[in-house]
Amino acid sequence: MTERSAIRRQLRQQRRAMNRHQRLAASSTLAARLSGNRWFRAARHIAAYLAADGEIDPRPLIERAWSMNKRVYLPVLLPVGTNRLWFAPYEPGTSLSANRFGILEPVNAARTRVHPLRLDIALTPMVAFDNTGNRLGMGGGFYDRTFHYLLRHRHWRRPHLIGLAYAFQQVDELPHANWDVPLSGIATDRNILSFRD
């Protein structure tokens, strides 16, 4: 088993072991912290996700975004393509259906999707992170392929990628590859880390 796989297995188990009350408290605390952050306040177009597999839940943050008249989008996988993400509008009452991984996404996304360049910030789920902005996801590489252009363009930094996690998901150092896209910041139930403007 590789080091990444071992980290992924351990932290996924720890996430799943949390009870409903712990998850709700952590998600609410994170939402209160991040909604006051300058990136969130300035953003008009925000990509989020719907929590699965014990991930910290961004729903309280999504509801704050709606109350602040911000546009919210969810990642979608199209039936064919290059395993990159597109983003479809998500509003109260949006019809959702499960994709091939069982994750809910907006219905009719093929007609309403937007390109990642349209986003101001993208809230990304993750399994682990370190204090330099490296992120370990579920292993599919969807976020890294989607936002790979950020590695090539030093002056085009849109969207800001902000990882969401429980504080216990931080590790000392993550092994990373040259295709891994680093985060602009990380928000947890304990703090916000900023790496790039």
N, C-alpha and C. Protein backbone atom coordinates (compact mmCIF):
# COMPACT_ATOMS: atom_id res chain seq x y z
N MET A 1 0.85 -1.19 0.00
CA MET A 1 0.00 0.00 0.00
C MET A 1 0.89 1.25 0.00
N THR A 2 0.58 2.21 -0.89
CA THR A 2 1.38 3.42 -0.96
C THR A 2 1.07 4.32 0.23
N GLU A 3 1.94 5.31 0.43
CA GLU A 3 1.73 6.25 1.54
C GLU A 3 0.42 7.02 1.36
N ARG A 4 0.14 7.44 0.13
CA ARG A 4 -1.12 8.15 -0.14
C ARG A 4 -2.32 7.26 0.19
N SER A 5 -2.26 6.01 -0.21
CA SER A 5 -3.37 5.09 0.05
C SER A 5 -3.59 4.89 1.53
N ALA A 6 -2.50 4.77 2.29
CA ALA A 6 -2.60 4.56 3.73
C ALA A 6 -3.22 5.78 4.41
N ILE A 7 -2.78 6.98 4.01
CA ILE A 7 -3.35 8.22 4.57
C ILE A 7 -4.83 8.30 4.23
N ARG A 8 -5.15 7.98 2.98
CA ARG A 8 -6.54 8.06 2.52
C ARG A 8 -7.42 7.09 3.33
N ARG A 9 -6.97 5.88 3.52
CA ARG A 9 -7.76 4.88 4.24
C ARG A 9 -7.98 5.28 5.70
N GLN A 10 -6.93 5.73 6.36
CA GLN A 10 -7.02 6.10 7.78
C GLN A 10 -7.95 7.29 8.01
N LEU A 11 -7.79 8.34 7.21
CA LEU A 11 -8.60 9.54 7.42
C LEU A 11 -10.05 9.37 6.97
N ARG A 12 -10.29 8.56 5.97
CA ARG A 12 -11.67 8.27 5.59
C ARG A 12 -12.39 7.52 6.70
N GLN A 13 -11.71 6.59 7.33
CA GLN A 13 -12.30 5.87 8.46
C GLN A 13 -12.60 6.82 9.62
N GLN A 14 -11.66 7.72 9.89
CA GLN A 14 -11.85 8.68 10.99
C GLN A 14 -13.03 9.61 10.71
N ARG A 15 -13.16 10.05 9.45
CA ARG A 15 -14.29 10.90 9.07
C ARG A 15 -15.62 10.19 9.27
N ARG A 16 -15.68 8.96 8.79
CA ARG A 16 -16.92 8.19 8.87
C ARG A 16 -17.33 7.89 10.31
N ALA A 17 -16.36 7.86 11.23
CA ALA A 17 -16.64 7.52 12.62
C ALA A 17 -17.32 8.66 13.38
N MET A 18 -17.33 9.85 12.81
CA MET A 18 -17.96 10.99 13.49
C MET A 18 -19.48 10.80 13.52
N ASN A 19 -20.09 11.26 14.61
CA ASN A 19 -21.55 11.18 14.66
C ASN A 19 -22.18 12.42 14.04
N ARG A 20 -23.49 12.39 13.87
CA ARG A 20 -24.22 13.46 13.19
C ARG A 20 -24.03 14.81 13.89
N HIS A 21 -24.08 14.80 15.22
CA HIS A 21 -23.92 16.04 15.99
C HIS A 21 -22.52 16.65 15.76
N GLN A 22 -21.49 15.84 15.77
CA GLN A 22 -20.12 16.33 15.54
C GLN A 22 -19.99 16.92 14.14
N ARG A 23 -20.56 16.25 13.16
CA ARG A 23 -20.48 16.75 11.78
C ARG A 23 -21.20 18.08 11.61
N LEU A 24 -22.38 18.17 12.18
CA LEU A 24 -23.15 19.41 12.07
C LEU A 24 -22.44 20.57 12.76
N ALA A 25 -21.89 20.32 13.95
CA ALA A 25 -21.16 21.37 14.68
C ALA A 25 -19.95 21.84 13.88
N ALA A 26 -19.19 20.90 13.33
CA ALA A 26 -18.00 21.26 12.55
C ALA A 26 -18.38 22.05 11.30
N SER A 27 -19.42 21.62 10.60
CA SER A 27 -19.85 22.30 9.37
C SER A 27 -20.34 23.72 9.65
N SER A 28 -21.07 23.87 10.75
CA SER A 28 -21.58 25.20 11.11
C SER A 28 -20.45 26.14 11.50
N THR A 29 -19.47 25.62 12.24
CA THR A 29 -18.32 26.44 12.64
C THR A 29 -17.51 26.86 11.41
N LEU A 30 -17.28 25.92 10.50
CA LEU A 30 -16.55 26.24 9.27
C LEU A 30 -17.29 27.33 8.49
N ALA A 31 -18.60 27.19 8.36
CA ALA A 31 -19.39 28.18 7.60
C ALA A 31 -19.27 29.57 8.23
N ALA A 32 -19.31 29.64 9.53
CA ALA A 32 -19.19 30.94 10.21
C ALA A 32 -17.83 31.56 9.95
N ARG A 33 -16.79 30.75 9.97
CA ARG A 33 -15.42 31.25 9.73
C ARG A 33 -15.25 31.71 8.29
N LEU A 34 -15.59 30.84 7.36
CA LEU A 34 -15.28 31.13 5.95
C LEU A 34 -16.18 32.22 5.37
N SER A 35 -17.41 32.33 5.83
CA SER A 35 -18.30 33.34 5.26
C SER A 35 -17.82 34.77 5.55
N GLY A 36 -16.95 34.94 6.54
CA GLY A 36 -16.38 36.25 6.81
C GLY A 36 -15.06 36.50 6.12
N ASN A 37 -14.55 35.49 5.42
CA ASN A 37 -13.27 35.60 4.73
C ASN A 37 -13.38 36.48 3.49
N ARG A 38 -12.32 37.20 3.17
CA ARG A 38 -12.35 38.14 2.03
C ARG A 38 -12.64 37.45 0.70
N TRP A 39 -12.12 36.23 0.50
CA TRP A 39 -12.40 35.52 -0.75
C TRP A 39 -13.89 35.24 -0.88
N PHE A 40 -14.48 34.78 0.19
CA PHE A 40 -15.90 34.43 0.15
C PHE A 40 -16.75 35.69 0.00
N ARG A 41 -16.43 36.74 0.75
CA ARG A 41 -17.22 37.98 0.67
C ARG A 41 -17.18 38.58 -0.73
N ALA A 42 -16.03 38.52 -1.40
CA ALA A 42 -15.88 39.14 -2.72
C ALA A 42 -16.44 38.27 -3.85
N ALA A 43 -16.59 36.98 -3.62
CA ALA A 43 -16.99 36.06 -4.68
C ALA A 43 -18.46 36.24 -5.06
N ARG A 44 -18.73 36.17 -6.36
CA ARG A 44 -20.11 36.19 -6.85
C ARG A 44 -20.52 34.79 -7.33
N HIS A 45 -19.55 34.03 -7.82
CA HIS A 45 -19.81 32.69 -8.37
C HIS A 45 -18.97 31.68 -7.59
N ILE A 46 -19.65 30.80 -6.87
CA ILE A 46 -18.99 29.88 -5.94
C ILE A 46 -19.35 28.44 -6.29
N ALA A 47 -18.33 27.63 -6.52
CA ALA A 47 -18.56 26.20 -6.69
C ALA A 47 -18.46 25.54 -5.33
N ALA A 48 -19.39 24.65 -5.05
CA ALA A 48 -19.39 23.90 -3.80
C ALA A 48 -19.50 22.42 -4.16
N TYR A 49 -19.90 21.60 -3.23
CA TYR A 49 -20.12 20.17 -3.48
C TYR A 49 -21.12 19.69 -2.43
N LEU A 50 -21.69 18.53 -2.67
CA LEU A 50 -22.56 17.90 -1.68
C LEU A 50 -21.76 16.81 -1.00
N ALA A 51 -21.73 16.84 0.32
CA ALA A 51 -20.86 15.94 1.08
C ALA A 51 -21.24 14.47 0.88
N ALA A 52 -20.21 13.64 0.83
CA ALA A 52 -20.36 12.19 0.73
C ALA A 52 -19.22 11.56 1.52
N ASP A 53 -19.40 10.35 1.95
CA ASP A 53 -18.33 9.58 2.59
C ASP A 53 -17.76 10.26 3.83
N GLY A 54 -18.60 10.97 4.57
CA GLY A 54 -18.15 11.60 5.80
C GLY A 54 -17.46 12.94 5.63
N GLU A 55 -17.44 13.48 4.40
CA GLU A 55 -16.80 14.79 4.17
C GLU A 55 -17.48 15.87 5.00
N ILE A 56 -16.72 16.91 5.31
CA ILE A 56 -17.34 18.05 6.00
C ILE A 56 -18.38 18.65 5.06
N ASP A 57 -19.52 18.99 5.60
CA ASP A 57 -20.67 19.38 4.80
C ASP A 57 -20.69 20.88 4.54
N PRO A 58 -20.64 21.29 3.27
CA PRO A 58 -20.69 22.73 2.97
C PRO A 58 -22.09 23.32 2.91
N ARG A 59 -23.12 22.54 3.22
CA ARG A 59 -24.50 23.08 3.12
C ARG A 59 -24.72 24.35 3.93
N PRO A 60 -24.24 24.44 5.18
CA PRO A 60 -24.44 25.72 5.89
C PRO A 60 -23.78 26.90 5.17
N LEU A 61 -22.67 26.64 4.52
CA LEU A 61 -21.98 27.69 3.75
C LEU A 61 -22.75 28.02 2.47
N ILE A 62 -23.29 27.00 1.83
CA ILE A 62 -24.12 27.21 0.63
C ILE A 62 -25.32 28.08 0.98
N GLU A 63 -25.97 27.79 2.10
CA GLU A 63 -27.13 28.58 2.51
C GLU A 63 -26.75 30.02 2.81
N ARG A 64 -25.56 30.24 3.38
CA ARG A 64 -25.09 31.62 3.60
C ARG A 64 -24.85 32.31 2.26
N ALA A 65 -24.28 31.59 1.30
CA ALA A 65 -24.04 32.17 -0.02
C ALA A 65 -25.35 32.59 -0.67
N TRP A 66 -26.35 31.73 -0.61
CA TRP A 66 -27.66 32.09 -1.17
C TRP A 66 -28.22 33.33 -0.48
N SER A 67 -28.09 33.41 0.84
CA SER A 67 -28.64 34.55 1.56
C SER A 67 -27.90 35.85 1.22
N MET A 68 -26.68 35.72 0.69
CA MET A 68 -25.88 36.88 0.30
C MET A 68 -25.99 37.15 -1.21
N ASN A 69 -26.97 36.50 -1.86
CA ASN A 69 -27.24 36.66 -3.30
C ASN A 69 -26.06 36.26 -4.17
N LYS A 70 -25.33 35.24 -3.76
CA LYS A 70 -24.24 34.70 -4.57
C LYS A 70 -24.77 33.52 -5.38
N ARG A 71 -24.16 33.29 -6.55
CA ARG A 71 -24.51 32.14 -7.38
C ARG A 71 -23.70 30.95 -6.92
N VAL A 72 -24.36 29.82 -6.74
CA VAL A 72 -23.70 28.59 -6.29
C VAL A 72 -23.80 27.55 -7.40
N TYR A 73 -22.74 26.78 -7.56
CA TYR A 73 -22.66 25.74 -8.59
C TYR A 73 -22.19 24.44 -7.94
N LEU A 74 -22.60 23.33 -8.54
CA LEU A 74 -22.11 22.02 -8.10
C LEU A 74 -21.33 21.37 -9.24
N PRO A 75 -20.32 20.57 -8.90
CA PRO A 75 -19.58 19.86 -9.94
C PRO A 75 -20.45 18.79 -10.59
N VAL A 76 -20.27 18.62 -11.89
CA VAL A 76 -21.00 17.59 -12.64
C VAL A 76 -20.03 16.84 -13.54
N LEU A 77 -20.33 15.56 -13.70
CA LEU A 77 -19.61 14.71 -14.65
C LEU A 77 -20.54 14.48 -15.82
N LEU A 78 -20.04 14.71 -16.99
CA LEU A 78 -20.87 14.43 -18.16
C LEU A 78 -20.69 12.97 -18.54
N PRO A 79 -21.69 12.37 -19.20
CA PRO A 79 -21.60 10.94 -19.50
C PRO A 79 -20.37 10.55 -20.31
N VAL A 80 -19.90 11.43 -21.16
CA VAL A 80 -18.69 11.15 -21.93
C VAL A 80 -17.72 12.30 -21.73
N GLY A 81 -16.45 12.06 -21.97
CA GLY A 81 -15.50 13.16 -21.86
C GLY A 81 -14.19 12.73 -21.25
N THR A 82 -13.49 13.70 -20.73
CA THR A 82 -12.11 13.49 -20.29
C THR A 82 -11.97 13.47 -18.77
N ASN A 83 -13.03 13.11 -18.07
CA ASN A 83 -12.99 13.05 -16.60
C ASN A 83 -12.59 14.38 -15.96
N ARG A 84 -13.11 15.44 -16.54
CA ARG A 84 -12.97 16.77 -15.95
C ARG A 84 -14.34 17.18 -15.42
N LEU A 85 -14.32 18.15 -14.54
CA LEU A 85 -15.57 18.64 -13.96
C LEU A 85 -16.05 19.87 -14.70
N TRP A 86 -17.36 19.99 -14.83
CA TRP A 86 -18.03 21.21 -15.20
C TRP A 86 -18.85 21.61 -13.99
N PHE A 87 -19.47 22.75 -14.03
CA PHE A 87 -20.22 23.22 -12.87
C PHE A 87 -21.58 23.72 -13.31
N ALA A 88 -22.61 23.23 -12.60
CA ALA A 88 -23.99 23.59 -12.96
C ALA A 88 -24.62 24.40 -11.83
N PRO A 89 -25.47 25.36 -12.17
CA PRO A 89 -26.12 26.18 -11.14
C PRO A 89 -26.90 25.33 -10.14
N TYR A 90 -26.82 25.74 -8.90
CA TYR A 90 -27.52 25.05 -7.81
C TYR A 90 -28.24 26.08 -6.98
N GLU A 91 -29.56 25.98 -6.97
CA GLU A 91 -30.42 26.89 -6.22
C GLU A 91 -31.36 26.07 -5.36
N PRO A 92 -32.03 26.70 -4.39
CA PRO A 92 -33.02 25.95 -3.62
C PRO A 92 -34.04 25.33 -4.57
N GLY A 93 -34.31 24.06 -4.40
CA GLY A 93 -35.29 23.37 -5.24
C GLY A 93 -34.73 22.76 -6.52
N THR A 94 -33.43 22.90 -6.79
CA THR A 94 -32.84 22.30 -7.98
C THR A 94 -33.01 20.79 -7.94
N SER A 95 -33.48 20.20 -9.04
CA SER A 95 -33.61 18.75 -9.14
C SER A 95 -32.24 18.12 -9.26
N LEU A 96 -32.02 17.05 -8.50
CA LEU A 96 -30.73 16.37 -8.48
C LEU A 96 -30.89 14.91 -8.84
N SER A 97 -29.85 14.32 -9.42
CA SER A 97 -29.82 12.88 -9.66
C SER A 97 -28.41 12.38 -9.43
N ALA A 98 -28.28 11.10 -9.15
CA ALA A 98 -26.97 10.51 -8.83
C ALA A 98 -26.15 10.28 -10.10
N ASN A 99 -24.87 10.62 -10.03
CA ASN A 99 -23.97 10.33 -11.15
C ASN A 99 -23.42 8.91 -11.01
N ARG A 100 -22.45 8.55 -11.81
CA ARG A 100 -21.95 7.17 -11.82
C ARG A 100 -21.26 6.76 -10.52
N PHE A 101 -20.91 7.74 -9.67
CA PHE A 101 -20.31 7.44 -8.37
C PHE A 101 -21.35 7.52 -7.24
N GLY A 102 -22.61 7.77 -7.60
CA GLY A 102 -23.65 7.89 -6.59
C GLY A 102 -23.73 9.25 -5.95
N ILE A 103 -23.01 10.24 -6.49
CA ILE A 103 -23.01 11.60 -5.95
C ILE A 103 -24.08 12.41 -6.67
N LEU A 104 -24.87 13.14 -5.90
CA LEU A 104 -25.95 13.94 -6.50
C LEU A 104 -25.39 15.15 -7.25
N GLU A 105 -26.01 15.39 -8.40
CA GLU A 105 -25.65 16.58 -9.19
C GLU A 105 -26.90 17.09 -9.89
N PRO A 106 -26.89 18.36 -10.30
CA PRO A 106 -28.09 18.93 -10.94
C PRO A 106 -28.48 18.19 -12.22
N VAL A 107 -29.80 18.01 -12.38
CA VAL A 107 -30.35 17.42 -13.59
C VAL A 107 -30.22 18.45 -14.71
N ASN A 108 -30.09 18.00 -15.93
CA ASN A 108 -29.97 18.87 -17.11
C ASN A 108 -28.71 19.72 -17.09
N ALA A 109 -27.67 19.24 -16.42
CA ALA A 109 -26.43 20.00 -16.31
C ALA A 109 -25.77 20.24 -17.66
N ALA A 110 -25.98 19.35 -18.61
CA ALA A 110 -25.35 19.51 -19.93
C ALA A 110 -25.80 20.81 -20.60
N ARG A 111 -27.01 21.28 -20.26
CA ARG A 111 -27.52 22.52 -20.87
C ARG A 111 -27.17 23.77 -20.08
N THR A 112 -26.91 23.62 -18.77
CA THR A 112 -26.73 24.80 -17.93
C THR A 112 -25.31 24.96 -17.39
N ARG A 113 -24.44 24.04 -17.70
CA ARG A 113 -23.09 24.03 -17.11
C ARG A 113 -22.29 25.25 -17.50
N VAL A 114 -21.32 25.59 -16.62
CA VAL A 114 -20.39 26.69 -16.90
C VAL A 114 -18.97 26.16 -16.79
N HIS A 115 -18.07 26.83 -17.45
CA HIS A 115 -16.65 26.47 -17.42
C HIS A 115 -16.05 26.93 -16.09
N PRO A 116 -15.03 26.22 -15.57
CA PRO A 116 -14.40 26.62 -14.32
C PRO A 116 -13.88 28.06 -14.29
N LEU A 117 -13.51 28.61 -15.44
CA LEU A 117 -13.01 29.99 -15.48
C LEU A 117 -14.06 31.00 -15.03
N ARG A 118 -15.32 30.61 -15.06
CA ARG A 118 -16.41 31.52 -14.65
C ARG A 118 -16.48 31.69 -13.14
N LEU A 119 -15.85 30.79 -12.41
CA LEU A 119 -15.95 30.76 -10.95
C LEU A 119 -14.98 31.72 -10.28
N ASP A 120 -15.39 32.28 -9.17
CA ASP A 120 -14.49 33.09 -8.35
C ASP A 120 -13.76 32.24 -7.32
N ILE A 121 -14.49 31.35 -6.66
CA ILE A 121 -13.85 30.38 -5.77
C ILE A 121 -14.48 29.01 -6.00
N ALA A 122 -13.69 27.98 -5.75
CA ALA A 122 -14.18 26.60 -5.81
C ALA A 122 -13.86 25.94 -4.49
N LEU A 123 -14.89 25.53 -3.79
CA LEU A 123 -14.74 24.83 -2.52
C LEU A 123 -14.55 23.36 -2.85
N THR A 124 -13.43 22.81 -2.44
CA THR A 124 -13.10 21.45 -2.84
C THR A 124 -13.09 20.50 -1.64
N PRO A 125 -13.66 19.31 -1.82
CA PRO A 125 -13.56 18.32 -0.76
C PRO A 125 -12.16 17.71 -0.78
N MET A 126 -11.77 17.10 0.32
CA MET A 126 -10.46 16.44 0.36
C MET A 126 -10.42 15.45 1.51
N VAL A 127 -9.46 14.55 1.39
CA VAL A 127 -9.26 13.54 2.43
C VAL A 127 -8.19 14.01 3.41
N ALA A 128 -7.16 14.70 2.89
CA ALA A 128 -6.07 15.17 3.75
C ALA A 128 -5.46 16.42 3.13
N PHE A 129 -4.72 17.18 3.96
CA PHE A 129 -4.01 18.35 3.49
C PHE A 129 -2.80 18.57 4.38
N ASP A 130 -1.85 19.36 3.86
CA ASP A 130 -0.70 19.73 4.71
C ASP A 130 -0.64 21.24 4.82
N ASN A 131 0.36 21.75 5.55
CA ASN A 131 0.39 23.20 5.82
C ASN A 131 1.04 24.01 4.71
N THR A 132 1.26 23.39 3.54
CA THR A 132 1.75 24.15 2.39
C THR A 132 0.73 24.23 1.26
N GLY A 133 -0.48 23.70 1.50
CA GLY A 133 -1.54 23.81 0.50
C GLY A 133 -1.69 22.60 -0.40
N ASN A 134 -1.02 21.51 -0.08
CA ASN A 134 -1.21 20.29 -0.86
C ASN A 134 -2.46 19.58 -0.38
N ARG A 135 -3.18 19.00 -1.32
CA ARG A 135 -4.47 18.36 -1.07
C ARG A 135 -4.41 16.91 -1.53
N LEU A 136 -5.00 16.03 -0.74
CA LEU A 136 -5.17 14.63 -1.14
C LEU A 136 -6.66 14.38 -1.27
N GLY A 137 -7.08 14.04 -2.49
CA GLY A 137 -8.50 13.77 -2.73
C GLY A 137 -8.78 12.28 -2.67
N MET A 138 -9.85 11.88 -3.32
CA MET A 138 -10.27 10.49 -3.29
C MET A 138 -9.47 9.62 -4.26
N GLY A 139 -8.69 10.24 -5.12
CA GLY A 139 -7.83 9.45 -6.00
C GLY A 139 -8.24 9.46 -7.46
N GLY A 140 -9.36 10.09 -7.80
CA GLY A 140 -9.80 10.11 -9.19
C GLY A 140 -9.13 11.17 -10.04
N GLY A 141 -8.57 12.20 -9.43
CA GLY A 141 -7.88 13.25 -10.16
C GLY A 141 -8.77 14.26 -10.85
N PHE A 142 -10.08 14.25 -10.57
CA PHE A 142 -11.00 15.15 -11.27
C PHE A 142 -10.68 16.62 -11.04
N TYR A 143 -10.43 17.01 -9.80
CA TYR A 143 -10.13 18.42 -9.51
C TYR A 143 -8.79 18.83 -10.10
N ASP A 144 -7.79 17.96 -10.03
CA ASP A 144 -6.48 18.30 -10.60
C ASP A 144 -6.56 18.46 -12.12
N ARG A 145 -7.28 17.57 -12.81
CA ARG A 145 -7.42 17.72 -14.27
C ARG A 145 -8.22 18.96 -14.62
N THR A 146 -9.27 19.23 -13.87
CA THR A 146 -10.13 20.37 -14.16
C THR A 146 -9.40 21.71 -14.00
N PHE A 147 -8.59 21.82 -12.95
CA PHE A 147 -7.93 23.10 -12.65
C PHE A 147 -6.44 23.09 -12.98
N HIS A 148 -6.03 22.19 -13.84
CA HIS A 148 -4.60 22.08 -14.20
C HIS A 148 -4.07 23.38 -14.81
N TYR A 149 -4.93 24.12 -15.50
CA TYR A 149 -4.49 25.37 -16.12
C TYR A 149 -3.93 26.36 -15.09
N LEU A 150 -4.31 26.23 -13.83
CA LEU A 150 -3.79 27.14 -12.80
C LEU A 150 -2.29 26.93 -12.58
N LEU A 151 -1.77 25.76 -12.90
CA LEU A 151 -0.33 25.51 -12.77
C LEU A 151 0.47 26.25 -13.84
N ARG A 152 -0.14 26.47 -14.98
CA ARG A 152 0.56 27.08 -16.12
C ARG A 152 0.46 28.60 -16.15
N HIS A 153 -0.55 29.16 -15.53
CA HIS A 153 -0.80 30.60 -15.63
C HIS A 153 -0.61 31.25 -14.28
N ARG A 154 0.51 31.89 -14.08
CA ARG A 154 0.81 32.51 -12.79
C ARG A 154 -0.05 33.74 -12.50
N HIS A 155 -0.50 34.43 -13.56
CA HIS A 155 -1.26 35.66 -13.34
C HIS A 155 -2.77 35.42 -13.40
N TRP A 156 -3.19 34.27 -13.90
CA TRP A 156 -4.61 33.95 -13.95
C TRP A 156 -4.87 32.97 -12.82
N ARG A 157 -5.42 33.47 -11.73
CA ARG A 157 -5.58 32.64 -10.52
C ARG A 157 -7.06 32.42 -10.20
N ARG A 158 -7.87 32.27 -11.22
CA ARG A 158 -9.29 32.11 -10.98
C ARG A 158 -9.75 30.75 -11.42
N PRO A 159 -10.45 30.06 -10.60
CA PRO A 159 -10.91 30.47 -9.28
C PRO A 159 -9.87 30.20 -8.20
N HIS A 160 -10.08 30.80 -7.05
CA HIS A 160 -9.30 30.43 -5.88
C HIS A 160 -9.83 29.07 -5.41
N LEU A 161 -8.94 28.11 -5.26
CA LEU A 161 -9.34 26.79 -4.76
C LEU A 161 -9.21 26.78 -3.25
N ILE A 162 -10.31 26.54 -2.58
CA ILE A 162 -10.32 26.51 -1.11
C ILE A 162 -10.79 25.13 -0.67
N GLY A 163 -9.89 24.39 -0.06
CA GLY A 163 -10.23 23.06 0.42
C GLY A 163 -11.00 23.15 1.72
N LEU A 164 -12.00 22.29 1.87
CA LEU A 164 -12.78 22.21 3.11
C LEU A 164 -12.50 20.87 3.77
N ALA A 165 -12.26 20.90 5.08
CA ALA A 165 -11.94 19.67 5.79
C ALA A 165 -12.13 19.86 7.28
N TYR A 166 -12.14 18.74 8.00
CA TYR A 166 -12.05 18.77 9.45
C TYR A 166 -10.59 19.04 9.81
N ALA A 167 -10.35 19.69 10.91
CA ALA A 167 -8.97 20.01 11.32
C ALA A 167 -8.12 18.75 11.47
N PHE A 168 -8.72 17.64 11.89
CA PHE A 168 -7.92 16.42 12.08
C PHE A 168 -7.41 15.82 10.78
N GLN A 169 -7.85 16.33 9.64
CA GLN A 169 -7.38 15.82 8.36
C GLN A 169 -6.02 16.40 7.95
N GLN A 170 -5.48 17.29 8.74
CA GLN A 170 -4.16 17.85 8.44
C GLN A 170 -3.07 16.84 8.81
N VAL A 171 -2.12 16.67 7.89
CA VAL A 171 -0.96 15.81 8.12
C VAL A 171 0.30 16.67 8.00
N ASP A 172 1.41 16.15 8.51
CA ASP A 172 2.66 16.94 8.48
C ASP A 172 3.09 17.28 7.07
N GLU A 173 3.10 16.28 6.21
CA GLU A 173 3.53 16.51 4.83
C GLU A 173 2.89 15.47 3.93
N LEU A 174 2.37 15.93 2.80
CA LEU A 174 1.75 15.03 1.84
C LEU A 174 2.70 14.80 0.67
N PRO A 175 2.87 13.55 0.27
CA PRO A 175 3.60 13.32 -0.97
C PRO A 175 2.77 13.91 -2.12
N HIS A 176 3.41 14.62 -3.02
CA HIS A 176 2.65 15.21 -4.12
C HIS A 176 3.44 15.08 -5.42
N ALA A 177 2.69 15.14 -6.51
CA ALA A 177 3.27 15.02 -7.85
C ALA A 177 3.18 16.36 -8.56
N ASN A 178 3.87 16.47 -9.70
CA ASN A 178 3.90 17.76 -10.40
C ASN A 178 2.55 18.12 -11.03
N TRP A 179 1.63 17.18 -11.12
CA TRP A 179 0.30 17.50 -11.67
C TRP A 179 -0.71 17.88 -10.57
N ASP A 180 -0.32 17.76 -9.31
CA ASP A 180 -1.22 18.15 -8.22
C ASP A 180 -1.36 19.67 -8.17
N VAL A 181 -2.58 20.15 -8.20
CA VAL A 181 -2.83 21.59 -8.16
C VAL A 181 -2.95 22.03 -6.71
N PRO A 182 -2.05 22.91 -6.24
CA PRO A 182 -2.12 23.34 -4.84
C PRO A 182 -3.31 24.27 -4.60
N LEU A 183 -3.71 24.33 -3.36
CA LEU A 183 -4.85 25.14 -2.97
C LEU A 183 -4.44 26.58 -2.66
N SER A 184 -5.38 27.49 -2.83
CA SER A 184 -5.16 28.88 -2.41
C SER A 184 -5.33 29.01 -0.91
N GLY A 185 -6.20 28.17 -0.36
CA GLY A 185 -6.46 28.21 1.07
C GLY A 185 -7.19 26.98 1.52
N ILE A 186 -7.25 26.81 2.83
CA ILE A 186 -7.96 25.68 3.43
C ILE A 186 -8.78 26.22 4.59
N ALA A 187 -10.04 25.80 4.65
CA ALA A 187 -10.91 26.16 5.76
C ALA A 187 -11.29 24.90 6.52
N THR A 188 -11.13 24.94 7.83
CA THR A 188 -11.53 23.83 8.67
C THR A 188 -12.46 24.34 9.77
N ASP A 189 -12.87 23.44 10.62
CA ASP A 189 -13.69 23.83 11.76
C ASP A 189 -12.88 24.55 12.83
N ARG A 190 -11.56 24.64 12.66
CA ARG A 190 -10.72 25.34 13.64
C ARG A 190 -10.06 26.61 13.11
N ASN A 191 -9.73 26.63 11.81
CA ASN A 191 -9.01 27.80 11.30
C ASN A 191 -9.09 27.89 9.79
N ILE A 192 -8.53 28.97 9.28
CA ILE A 192 -8.39 29.17 7.83
C ILE A 192 -6.92 29.38 7.55
N LEU A 193 -6.39 28.62 6.60
CA LEU A 193 -5.01 28.77 6.16
C LEU A 193 -5.02 29.39 4.79
N SER A 194 -4.17 30.38 4.57
CA SER A 194 -4.09 31.05 3.28
C SER A 194 -2.68 30.86 2.71
N PHE A 195 -2.61 30.48 1.43
CA PHE A 195 -1.32 30.21 0.79
C PHE A 195 -1.03 31.15 -0.37
N ARG A 196 -2.07 31.60 -1.05
CA ARG A 196 -1.90 32.45 -2.23
C ARG A 196 -2.96 33.52 -2.26
N ASP A 197 -2.60 34.67 -2.79
CA ASP A 197 -3.60 35.74 -2.98
C ASP A 197 -4.27 35.51 -4.31
